[in-house]
Amino acid sequence: MSEERFGEFVLVRRHEDGHVAELALDRPKAMNAVSSGMARAIAGACTALGEDPDVRVVVLTSTHERAFCVGADLKERNSLSDAELLRQRPVSRGAYTGVLELPVPVIAAVHGYALGGGFELALSCDVIVADRTAVVGLPEVSVGVLPGGGGTQLLPRRVGAARAAELVFTARRVEAAEARELGLVDVLVDEGRDREEALAMAARIAGNSPVGVRAAKRALRLGQGLDLRAGLEVEDAAWRTVAFSGDRAEGVAAFNEKRKPQWPGE
């Protein structure tokens, strides 16, 4: 396993011959509160991972024992003038869009608190694995703002408009069992096993065709919100990008020869 640091607060680890990348939030003294510097580091790490053809899956984790991420750094925000806050906005958004726009599957491994921007980072992932210590929520209206890292758009896509409205308007925190029941997280595991399970899922995904998986993610994302006819056209366009690929030829050959595929990734 190799490691690379982005800024002071983000650590990237490579697993599975470099095909699984772990993006670890590493600001333990602040329970991973997202400062401007940390937001830049997340965005930079996502850019590097998105451009690396060897990376097939990204797992978003935390090095803090009791928190995934408690959201924006409100101490820093309190020190900003209105003009500085406006200039900081694109920096903050860059962290969330960086995760959201990764071309490969992204799995969040959540334990402890995932609140506000911390939960929005998880919502920006494709799958959320949580352990039984997880507490999630979007409490922004309780401090005079709103979920601005994608929460008002990503949450209703997960749980429906009315449920999202209730959670956003009340600012309530949701513990792990209810979060799984409501669909706020996808997989619930025993305490301390979130990272292990997320990495195991990532390894399974990384064993599949990287061309097929990337195309499937595009189709899933681009098809959201479209009517069925338009969605099927998105799917057909994605199919055309893989139908004549080296991965498809290798996958069919390996199936017929009863062997494990050696994906060319093109």
C-alpha atoms as a PDB file:
ATOM      1  CA  MET A   1       0.000   0.000   0.000  1.00  0.00           C
ATOM      2  CA  SER A   2       1.322   3.432  -0.963  1.00  0.00           C
ATOM      3  CA  GLU A   3       0.393   6.794   0.551  1.00  0.00           C
ATOM      4  CA  GLU A   4       0.303  10.347  -0.754  1.00  0.00           C
ATOM      5  CA  ARG A   5      -0.707  13.471   1.137  1.00  0.00           C
ATOM      6  CA  PHE A   6      -2.686  16.330  -0.356  1.00  0.00           C
ATOM      7  CA  GLY A   7      -2.223  19.426   1.749  1.00  0.00           C
ATOM      8  CA  GLU A   8      -2.198  18.958   5.512  1.00  0.00           C
ATOM      9  CA  PHE A   9      -5.533  17.220   5.972  1.00  0.00           C
ATOM     10  CA  VAL A  10      -6.101  14.669   3.185  1.00  0.00           C
ATOM     11  CA  LEU A  11      -4.340  11.336   2.776  1.00  0.00           C
ATOM     12  CA  VAL A  12      -4.669   9.069  -0.280  1.00  0.00           C
ATOM     13  CA  ARG A  13      -3.811   5.394   0.093  1.00  0.00           C
ATOM     14  CA  ARG A  14      -3.595   2.953  -2.827  1.00  0.00           C
ATOM     15  CA  HIS A  15      -4.882  -0.624  -2.415  1.00  0.00           C
ATOM     16  CA  GLU A  16      -5.403  -3.564  -4.799  1.00  0.00           C
ATOM     17  CA  ASP A  17      -2.503  -2.860  -7.165  1.00  0.00           C
ATOM     18  CA  GLY A  18      -3.524   0.790  -7.245  1.00  0.00           C
ATOM     19  CA  HIS A  19      -7.041   0.056  -8.490  1.00  0.00           C
ATOM     20  CA  VAL A  20      -8.685   0.990  -5.155  1.00  0.00           C
ATOM     21  CA  ALA A  21      -7.841   4.425  -3.796  1.00  0.00           C
ATOM     22  CA  GLU A  22      -8.745   5.459  -0.262  1.00  0.00           C
ATOM     23  CA  LEU A  23      -9.270   9.184   0.233  1.00  0.00           C
ATOM     24  CA  ALA A  24      -8.945   9.677   3.992  1.00  0.00           C
ATOM     25  CA  LEU A  25     -10.110  12.839   5.758  1.00  0.00           C
ATOM     26  CA  ASP A  26      -7.308  13.512   8.234  1.00  0.00           C
ATOM     27  CA  ARG A  27      -7.957  16.555  10.407  1.00  0.00           C
ATOM     28  CA  PRO A  28      -8.497  14.786  13.723  1.00  0.00           C
ATOM     29  CA  LYS A  29      -8.092  17.805  16.005  1.00  0.00           C
ATOM     30  CA  ALA A  30     -11.183  19.382  14.387  1.00  0.00           C
ATOM     31  CA  MET A  31     -13.151  16.141  13.823  1.00  0.00           C
ATOM     32  CA  ASN A  32     -12.523  16.707  10.099  1.00  0.00           C
ATOM     33  CA  ALA A  33     -14.333  20.050   9.968  1.00  0.00           C
ATOM     34  CA  VAL A  34     -13.829  21.257   6.402  1.00  0.00           C
ATOM     35  CA  SER A  35     -11.702  24.401   6.298  1.00  0.00           C
ATOM     36  CA  SER A  36     -10.755  26.208   3.107  1.00  0.00           C
ATOM     37  CA  GLY A  37      -7.421  24.416   3.073  1.00  0.00           C
ATOM     38  CA  MET A  38      -9.043  21.042   3.552  1.00  0.00           C
ATOM     39  CA  ALA A  39     -11.613  21.776   0.821  1.00  0.00           C
ATOM     40  CA  ARG A  40      -8.790  22.582  -1.614  1.00  0.00           C
ATOM     41  CA  ALA A  41      -7.026  19.352  -0.642  1.00  0.00           C
ATOM     42  CA  ILE A  42     -10.150  17.245  -1.210  1.00  0.00           C
ATOM     43  CA  ALA A  43     -10.692  18.857  -4.605  1.00  0.00           C
ATOM     44  CA  GLY A  44      -7.042  18.373  -5.546  1.00  0.00           C
ATOM     45  CA  ALA A  45      -7.052  14.736  -4.509  1.00  0.00           C
ATOM     46  CA  CYS A  46     -10.237  14.121  -6.503  1.00  0.00           C
ATOM     47  CA  THR A  47      -8.736  15.740  -9.589  1.00  0.00           C
ATOM     48  CA  ALA A  48      -5.654  13.530  -9.347  1.00  0.00           C
ATOM     49  CA  LEU A  49      -7.687  10.374  -8.764  1.00  0.00           C
ATOM     50  CA  GLY A  50     -10.102  11.161 -11.584  1.00  0.00           C
ATOM     51  CA  GLU A  51      -7.225  11.563 -14.018  1.00  0.00           C
ATOM     52  CA  ASP A  52      -5.494   8.324 -12.997  1.00  0.00           C
ATOM     53  CA  PRO A  53      -6.511   5.502 -15.377  1.00  0.00           C
ATOM     54  CA  ASP A  54      -5.395   2.870 -12.852  1.00  0.00           C
ATOM     55  CA  VAL A  55      -7.967   3.958 -10.255  1.00  0.00           C
ATOM     56  CA  ARG A  56     -11.181   1.953 -10.556  1.00  0.00           C
ATOM     57  CA  VAL A  57     -12.870   2.733  -7.207  1.00  0.00           C
ATOM     58  CA  VAL A  58     -12.466   5.407  -4.519  1.00  0.00           C
ATOM     59  CA  VAL A  59     -13.342   4.879  -0.849  1.00  0.00           C
ATOM     60  CA  LEU A  60     -13.913   8.010   1.247  1.00  0.00           C
ATOM     61  CA  THR A  61     -12.908   7.412   4.881  1.00  0.00           C
ATOM     62  CA  SER A  62     -11.949   9.208   8.075  1.00  0.00           C
ATOM     63  CA  THR A  63      -8.948   8.789  10.365  1.00  0.00           C
ATOM     64  CA  HIS A  64     -10.918  10.095  13.365  1.00  0.00           C
ATOM     65  CA  GLU A  65     -12.251   7.423  15.713  1.00  0.00           C
ATOM     66  CA  ARG A  66     -15.506   9.210  16.564  1.00  0.00           C
ATOM     67  CA  ALA A  67     -16.381  11.164  13.439  1.00  0.00           C
ATOM     68  CA  PHE A  68     -16.503  10.924   9.683  1.00  0.00           C
ATOM     69  CA  CYS A  69     -16.807  14.713   9.277  1.00  0.00           C
ATOM     70  CA  VAL A  70     -18.712  17.302  11.334  1.00  0.00           C
ATOM     71  CA  GLY A  71     -19.208  19.674   8.407  1.00  0.00           C
ATOM     72  CA  ALA A  72     -17.910  23.123   7.613  1.00  0.00           C
ATOM     73  CA  ASP A  73     -15.314  24.760   9.835  1.00  0.00           C
ATOM     74  CA  LEU A  74     -17.630  27.248  11.553  1.00  0.00           C
ATOM     75  CA  LYS A  75     -14.765  28.840  13.490  1.00  0.00           C
ATOM     76  CA  GLU A  76     -13.142  29.768  10.197  1.00  0.00           C
ATOM     77  CA  ARG A  77     -16.475  30.892   8.748  1.00  0.00           C
ATOM     78  CA  ASN A  78     -17.055  33.159  11.758  1.00  0.00           C
ATOM     79  CA  SER A  79     -13.801  34.987  11.032  1.00  0.00           C
ATOM     80  CA  LEU A  80     -14.673  35.775   7.403  1.00  0.00           C
ATOM     81  CA  SER A  81     -16.112  39.044   6.176  1.00  0.00           C
ATOM     82  CA  ASP A  82     -19.033  38.941   3.754  1.00  0.00           C
ATOM     83  CA  ALA A  83     -16.644  39.522   0.850  1.00  0.00           C
ATOM     84  CA  GLU A  84     -14.296  36.786   2.065  1.00  0.00           C
ATOM     85  CA  LEU A  85     -17.191  34.378   2.514  1.00  0.00           C
ATOM     86  CA  LEU A  86     -18.290  35.022  -1.063  1.00  0.00           C
ATOM     87  CA  ARG A  87     -14.762  34.368  -2.332  1.00  0.00           C
ATOM     88  CA  GLN A  88     -14.551  31.215  -0.225  1.00  0.00           C
ATOM     89  CA  ARG A  89     -17.746  29.755  -1.693  1.00  0.00           C
ATOM     90  CA  PRO A  90     -16.188  28.268  -4.884  1.00  0.00           C
ATOM     91  CA  VAL A  91     -13.426  26.747  -2.756  1.00  0.00           C
ATOM     92  CA  SER A  92     -15.986  25.049  -0.535  1.00  0.00           C
ATOM     93  CA  ARG A  93     -18.062  23.849  -3.477  1.00  0.00           C
ATOM     94  CA  GLY A  94     -14.963  22.396  -5.113  1.00  0.00           C
ATOM     95  CA  ALA A  95     -14.664  19.731  -2.425  1.00  0.00           C
ATOM     96  CA  TYR A  96     -18.208  18.448  -2.902  1.00  0.00           C
ATOM     97  CA  THR A  97     -18.227  18.611  -6.692  1.00  0.00           C
ATOM     98  CA  GLY A  98     -14.810  16.957  -6.698  1.00  0.00           C
ATOM     99  CA  VAL A  99     -16.250  13.878  -5.000  1.00  0.00           C
ATOM    100  CA  LEU A 100     -19.533  14.021  -6.922  1.00  0.00           C
ATOM    101  CA  GLU A 101     -17.874  14.212 -10.339  1.00  0.00           C
ATOM    102  CA  LEU A 102     -15.343  11.417  -9.923  1.00  0.00           C
ATOM    103  CA  PRO A 103     -15.814   9.158 -12.974  1.00  0.00           C
ATOM    104  CA  VAL A 104     -15.398   5.950 -10.965  1.00  0.00           C
ATOM    105  CA  PRO A 105     -17.620   4.547  -8.202  1.00  0.00           C
ATOM    106  CA  VAL A 106     -17.134   6.203  -4.814  1.00  0.00           C
ATOM    107  CA  ILE A 107     -18.025   4.500  -1.517  1.00  0.00           C
ATOM    108  CA  ALA A 108     -18.285   6.419   1.760  1.00  0.00           C
ATOM    109  CA  ALA A 109     -17.277   4.598   4.955  1.00  0.00           C
ATOM    110  CA  VAL A 110     -19.074   6.422   7.767  1.00  0.00           C
ATOM    111  CA  HIS A 111     -18.756   6.082  11.514  1.00  0.00           C
ATOM    112  CA  GLY A 112     -19.640   8.551  14.232  1.00  0.00           C
ATOM    113  CA  TYR A 113     -20.792  12.002  13.223  1.00  0.00           C
ATOM    114  CA  ALA A 114     -21.468  12.808   9.573  1.00  0.00           C
ATOM    115  CA  LEU A 115     -23.212  16.153   9.850  1.00  0.00           C
ATOM    116  CA  GLY A 116     -23.853  19.064   7.508  1.00  0.00           C
ATOM    117  CA  GLY A 117     -21.090  19.211   4.950  1.00  0.00           C
ATOM    118  CA  GLY A 118     -19.777  15.916   6.285  1.00  0.00           C
ATOM    119  CA  PHE A 119     -22.997  14.160   5.368  1.00  0.00           C
ATOM    120  CA  GLU A 120     -23.019  16.013   2.042  1.00  0.00           C
ATOM    121  CA  LEU A 121     -19.607  14.530   1.243  1.00  0.00           C
ATOM    122  CA  ALA A 122     -21.116  11.097   1.893  1.00  0.00           C
ATOM    123  CA  LEU A 123     -24.202  11.953  -0.184  1.00  0.00           C
ATOM    124  CA  SER A 124     -21.856  12.850  -3.052  1.00  0.00           C
ATOM    125  CA  CYS A 125     -20.713   9.223  -3.099  1.00  0.00           C
ATOM    126  CA  ASP A 126     -22.482   6.410  -4.952  1.00  0.00           C
ATOM    127  CA  VAL A 127     -22.849   4.102  -1.938  1.00  0.00           C
ATOM    128  CA  ILE A 128     -22.746   4.852   1.800  1.00  0.00           C
ATOM    129  CA  VAL A 129     -21.564   2.148   4.195  1.00  0.00           C
ATOM    130  CA  ALA A 130     -22.120   3.053   7.857  1.00  0.00           C
ATOM    131  CA  ASP A 131     -21.429   1.356  11.152  1.00  0.00           C
ATOM    132  CA  ARG A 132     -23.797   1.409  14.123  1.00  0.00           C
ATOM    133  CA  THR A 133     -22.134   4.454  15.689  1.00  0.00           C
ATOM    134  CA  ALA A 134     -23.086   6.646  12.725  1.00  0.00           C
ATOM    135  CA  VAL A 135     -25.139   9.788  13.300  1.00  0.00           C
ATOM    136  CA  VAL A 136     -26.092  11.699  10.160  1.00  0.00           C
ATOM    137  CA  GLY A 137     -27.989  14.869   9.421  1.00  0.00           C
ATOM    138  CA  LEU A 138     -28.171  18.253   7.748  1.00  0.00           C
ATOM    139  CA  PRO A 139     -28.442  20.773  10.615  1.00  0.00           C
ATOM    140  CA  GLU A 140     -27.567  23.892   8.617  1.00  0.00           C
ATOM    141  CA  VAL A 141     -30.849  25.756   9.154  1.00  0.00           C
ATOM    142  CA  SER A 142     -30.186  25.627  12.906  1.00  0.00           C
ATOM    143  CA  VAL A 143     -27.203  27.949  12.377  1.00  0.00           C
ATOM    144  CA  GLY A 144     -28.888  30.240   9.866  1.00  0.00           C
ATOM    145  CA  VAL A 145     -27.829  28.761   6.532  1.00  0.00           C
ATOM    146  CA  LEU A 146     -28.915  25.855   4.336  1.00  0.00           C
ATOM    147  CA  PRO A 147     -27.239  22.676   3.085  1.00  0.00           C
ATOM    148  CA  GLY A 148     -24.956  24.181   0.459  1.00  0.00           C
ATOM    149  CA  GLY A 149     -22.777  21.226  -0.474  1.00  0.00           C
ATOM    150  CA  GLY A 150     -25.448  19.537  -2.567  1.00  0.00           C
ATOM    151  CA  GLY A 151     -27.700  18.417   0.277  1.00  0.00           C
ATOM    152  CA  THR A 152     -30.923  20.004  -0.957  1.00  0.00           C
ATOM    153  CA  GLN A 153     -30.484  18.232  -4.297  1.00  0.00           C
ATOM    154  CA  LEU A 154     -28.867  14.927  -3.355  1.00  0.00           C
ATOM    155  CA  LEU A 155     -30.991  14.052  -0.339  1.00  0.00           C
ATOM    156  CA  PRO A 156     -34.386  14.155  -2.127  1.00  0.00           C
ATOM    157  CA  ARG A 157     -32.912  11.983  -4.864  1.00  0.00           C
ATOM    158  CA  ARG A 158     -32.236   9.386  -2.178  1.00  0.00           C
ATOM    159  CA  VAL A 159     -35.305   9.602   0.039  1.00  0.00           C
ATOM    160  CA  GLY A 160     -37.939  11.661  -1.798  1.00  0.00           C
ATOM    161  CA  ALA A 161     -38.945  15.295  -1.534  1.00  0.00           C
ATOM    162  CA  ALA A 162     -41.141  15.130   1.576  1.00  0.00           C
ATOM    163  CA  ARG A 163     -38.693  13.090   3.663  1.00  0.00           C
ATOM    164  CA  ALA A 164     -35.828  15.345   2.623  1.00  0.00           C
ATOM    165  CA  ALA A 165     -37.873  18.414   3.545  1.00  0.00           C
ATOM    166  CA  GLU A 166     -38.603  17.025   6.993  1.00  0.00           C
ATOM    167  CA  LEU A 167     -34.943  16.264   7.637  1.00  0.00           C
ATOM    168  CA  VAL A 168     -33.660  19.596   6.330  1.00  0.00           C
ATOM    169  CA  PHE A 169     -36.326  21.774   7.991  1.00  0.00           C
ATOM    170  CA  THR A 170     -36.070  20.104  11.413  1.00  0.00           C
ATOM    171  CA  ALA A 171     -32.247  19.888  11.299  1.00  0.00           C
ATOM    172  CA  ARG A 172     -32.519  16.681  13.296  1.00  0.00           C
ATOM    173  CA  ARG A 173     -29.777  14.116  13.703  1.00  0.00           C
ATOM    174  CA  VAL A 174     -30.534  10.544  12.672  1.00  0.00           C
ATOM    175  CA  GLU A 175     -28.871   7.546  14.273  1.00  0.00           C
ATOM    176  CA  ALA A 176     -27.629   4.582  12.288  1.00  0.00           C
ATOM    177  CA  ALA A 177     -30.591   2.196  12.485  1.00  0.00           C
ATOM    178  CA  GLU A 178     -33.128   4.816  11.437  1.00  0.00           C
ATOM    179  CA  ALA A 179     -30.723   6.166   8.803  1.00  0.00           C
ATOM    180  CA  ARG A 180     -30.618   2.721   7.194  1.00  0.00           C
ATOM    181  CA  GLU A 181     -34.397   2.397   7.416  1.00  0.00           C
ATOM    182  CA  LEU A 182     -34.909   5.771   5.713  1.00  0.00           C
ATOM    183  CA  GLY A 183     -32.302   5.134   3.026  1.00  0.00           C
ATOM    184  CA  LEU A 184     -29.892   7.794   4.269  1.00  0.00           C
ATOM    185  CA  VAL A 185     -27.217   5.095   4.267  1.00  0.00           C
ATOM    186  CA  ASP A 186     -27.141   1.944   2.154  1.00  0.00           C
ATOM    187  CA  VAL A 187     -25.272  -0.696   4.138  1.00  0.00           C
ATOM    188  CA  LEU A 188     -25.239  -0.954   7.945  1.00  0.00           C
ATOM    189  CA  VAL A 189     -22.440  -2.932   9.605  1.00  0.00           C
ATOM    190  CA  ASP A 190     -21.232  -3.606  13.124  1.00  0.00           C
ATOM    191  CA  GLU A 191     -19.294  -0.952  14.991  1.00  0.00           C
ATOM    192  CA  GLY A 192     -15.812  -0.421  13.575  1.00  0.00           C
ATOM    193  CA  ARG A 193     -16.405  -2.351  10.349  1.00  0.00           C
ATOM    194  CA  ASP A 194     -17.413   0.482   7.991  1.00  0.00           C
ATOM    195  CA  ARG A 195     -13.977   0.926   6.410  1.00  0.00           C
ATOM    196  CA  GLU A 196     -13.382  -2.820   6.149  1.00  0.00           C
ATOM    197  CA  GLU A 197     -16.716  -3.416   4.418  1.00  0.00           C
ATOM    198  CA  ALA A 198     -16.311  -0.411   2.102  1.00  0.00           C
ATOM    199  CA  LEU A 199     -12.856  -1.589   1.018  1.00  0.00           C
ATOM    200  CA  ALA A 200     -14.171  -5.128   0.469  1.00  0.00           C
ATOM    201  CA  MET A 201     -16.974  -3.755  -1.705  1.00  0.00           C
ATOM    202  CA  ALA A 202     -14.442  -1.636  -3.587  1.00  0.00           C
ATOM    203  CA  ALA A 203     -12.273  -4.685  -4.253  1.00  0.00           C
ATOM    204  CA  ARG A 204     -15.286  -6.514  -5.714  1.00  0.00           C
ATOM    205  CA  ILE A 205     -16.059  -3.566  -7.980  1.00  0.00           C
ATOM    206  CA  ALA A 206     -12.414  -3.233  -9.015  1.00  0.00           C
ATOM    207  CA  GLY A 207     -12.498  -6.814 -10.280  1.00  0.00           C
ATOM    208  CA  ASN A 208     -15.030  -5.846 -12.946  1.00  0.00           C
ATOM    209  CA  SER A 209     -14.422  -4.112 -16.257  1.00  0.00           C
ATOM    210  CA  PRO A 210     -13.233  -0.542 -15.615  1.00  0.00           C
ATOM    211  CA  VAL A 211     -14.690   0.541 -18.950  1.00  0.00           C
ATOM    212  CA  GLY A 212     -18.040  -1.065 -18.146  1.00  0.00           C
ATOM    213  CA  VAL A 213     -18.182   0.309 -14.600  1.00  0.00           C
ATOM    214  CA  ARG A 214     -17.355   3.889 -15.647  1.00  0.00           C
ATOM    215  CA  ALA A 215     -19.971   3.745 -18.397  1.00  0.00           C
ATOM    216  CA  ALA A 216     -22.532   2.307 -15.988  1.00  0.00           C
ATOM    217  CA  LYS A 217     -21.886   5.172 -13.560  1.00  0.00           C
ATOM    218  CA  ARG A 218     -22.370   7.717 -16.343  1.00  0.00           C
ATOM    219  CA  ALA A 219     -25.659   6.120 -17.343  1.00  0.00           C
ATOM    220  CA  LEU A 220     -26.903   5.963 -13.757  1.00  0.00           C
ATOM    221  CA  ARG A 221     -26.001   9.585 -13.046  1.00  0.00           C
ATOM    222  CA  LEU A 222     -27.114  11.119 -16.353  1.00  0.00           C
ATOM    223  CA  GLY A 223     -30.368   9.179 -16.374  1.00  0.00           C
ATOM    224  CA  GLN A 224     -31.538  10.477 -12.999  1.00  0.00           C
ATOM    225  CA  GLY A 225     -34.628  12.614 -13.313  1.00  0.00           C
ATOM    226  CA  LEU A 226     -35.238  11.816 -16.977  1.00  0.00           C
ATOM    227  CA  ASP A 227     -38.355  10.139 -18.280  1.00  0.00           C
ATOM    228  CA  LEU A 228     -37.958   6.488 -19.239  1.00  0.00           C
ATOM    229  CA  ARG A 229     -37.583   7.083 -22.980  1.00  0.00           C
ATOM    230  CA  ALA A 230     -34.849   9.696 -22.473  1.00  0.00           C
ATOM    231  CA  GLY A 231     -33.177   7.525 -19.854  1.00  0.00           C
ATOM    232  CA  LEU A 232     -33.019   4.588 -22.232  1.00  0.00           C
ATOM    233  CA  GLU A 233     -31.308   6.820 -24.797  1.00  0.00           C
ATOM    234  CA  VAL A 234     -28.694   7.714 -22.162  1.00  0.00           C
ATOM    235  CA  GLU A 235     -28.218   4.014 -21.518  1.00  0.00           C
ATOM    236  CA  ASP A 236     -27.881   3.274 -25.249  1.00  0.00           C
ATOM    237  CA  ALA A 237     -25.239   5.981 -25.632  1.00  0.00           C
ATOM    238  CA  ALA A 238     -23.297   4.469 -22.728  1.00  0.00           C
ATOM    239  CA  TRP A 239     -23.645   0.987 -24.246  1.00  0.00           C
ATOM    240  CA  ARG A 240     -22.128   2.233 -27.500  1.00  0.00           C
ATOM    241  CA  THR A 241     -19.013   3.391 -25.637  1.00  0.00           C
ATOM    242  CA  VAL A 242     -18.361  -0.119 -24.321  1.00  0.00           C
ATOM    243  CA  ALA A 243     -19.745  -2.400 -27.055  1.00  0.00           C
ATOM    244  CA  PHE A 244     -16.595  -2.286 -29.176  1.00  0.00           C
ATOM    245  CA  SER A 245     -14.075  -1.857 -26.370  1.00  0.00           C
ATOM    246  CA  GLY A 246     -11.156  -4.073 -25.530  1.00  0.00           C
ATOM    247  CA  ASP A 247     -12.788  -4.811 -22.185  1.00  0.00           C
ATOM    248  CA  ARG A 248     -15.881  -6.215 -23.878  1.00  0.00           C
ATOM    249  CA  ALA A 249     -13.800  -8.443 -26.140  1.00  0.00           C
ATOM    250  CA  GLU A 250     -11.758  -9.670 -23.176  1.00  0.00           C
ATOM    251  CA  GLY A 251     -14.832 -10.215 -21.012  1.00  0.00           C
ATOM    252  CA  VAL A 252     -16.570 -12.375 -23.611  1.00  0.00           C
ATOM    253  CA  ALA A 253     -13.370 -14.316 -24.349  1.00  0.00           C
ATOM    254  CA  ALA A 254     -12.675 -14.940 -20.660  1.00  0.00           C
ATOM    255  CA  PHE A 255     -16.245 -16.137 -20.085  1.00  0.00           C
ATOM    256  CA  ASN A 256     -16.040 -18.615 -22.954  1.00  0.00           C
ATOM    257  CA  GLU A 257     -12.573 -19.777 -21.908  1.00  0.00           C
ATOM    258  CA  LYS A 258     -13.663 -20.096 -18.250  1.00  0.00           C
ATOM    259  CA  ARG A 259     -10.882 -17.883 -16.919  1.00  0.00           C
ATOM    260  CA  LYS A 260     -10.536 -14.622 -15.016  1.00  0.00           C
ATOM    261  CA  PRO A 261     -10.554 -11.557 -17.302  1.00  0.00           C
ATOM    262  CA  GLN A 262      -7.419  -9.477 -17.692  1.00  0.00           C
ATOM    263  CA  TRP A 263      -9.023  -6.133 -18.380  1.00  0.00           C
ATOM    264  CA  PRO A 264      -7.142  -3.859 -20.802  1.00  0.00           C
ATOM    265  CA  GLY A 265      -9.169  -0.946 -19.466  1.00  0.00           C
ATOM    266  CA  GLU A 266      -9.909   0.479 -22.890  1.00  0.00           C
END
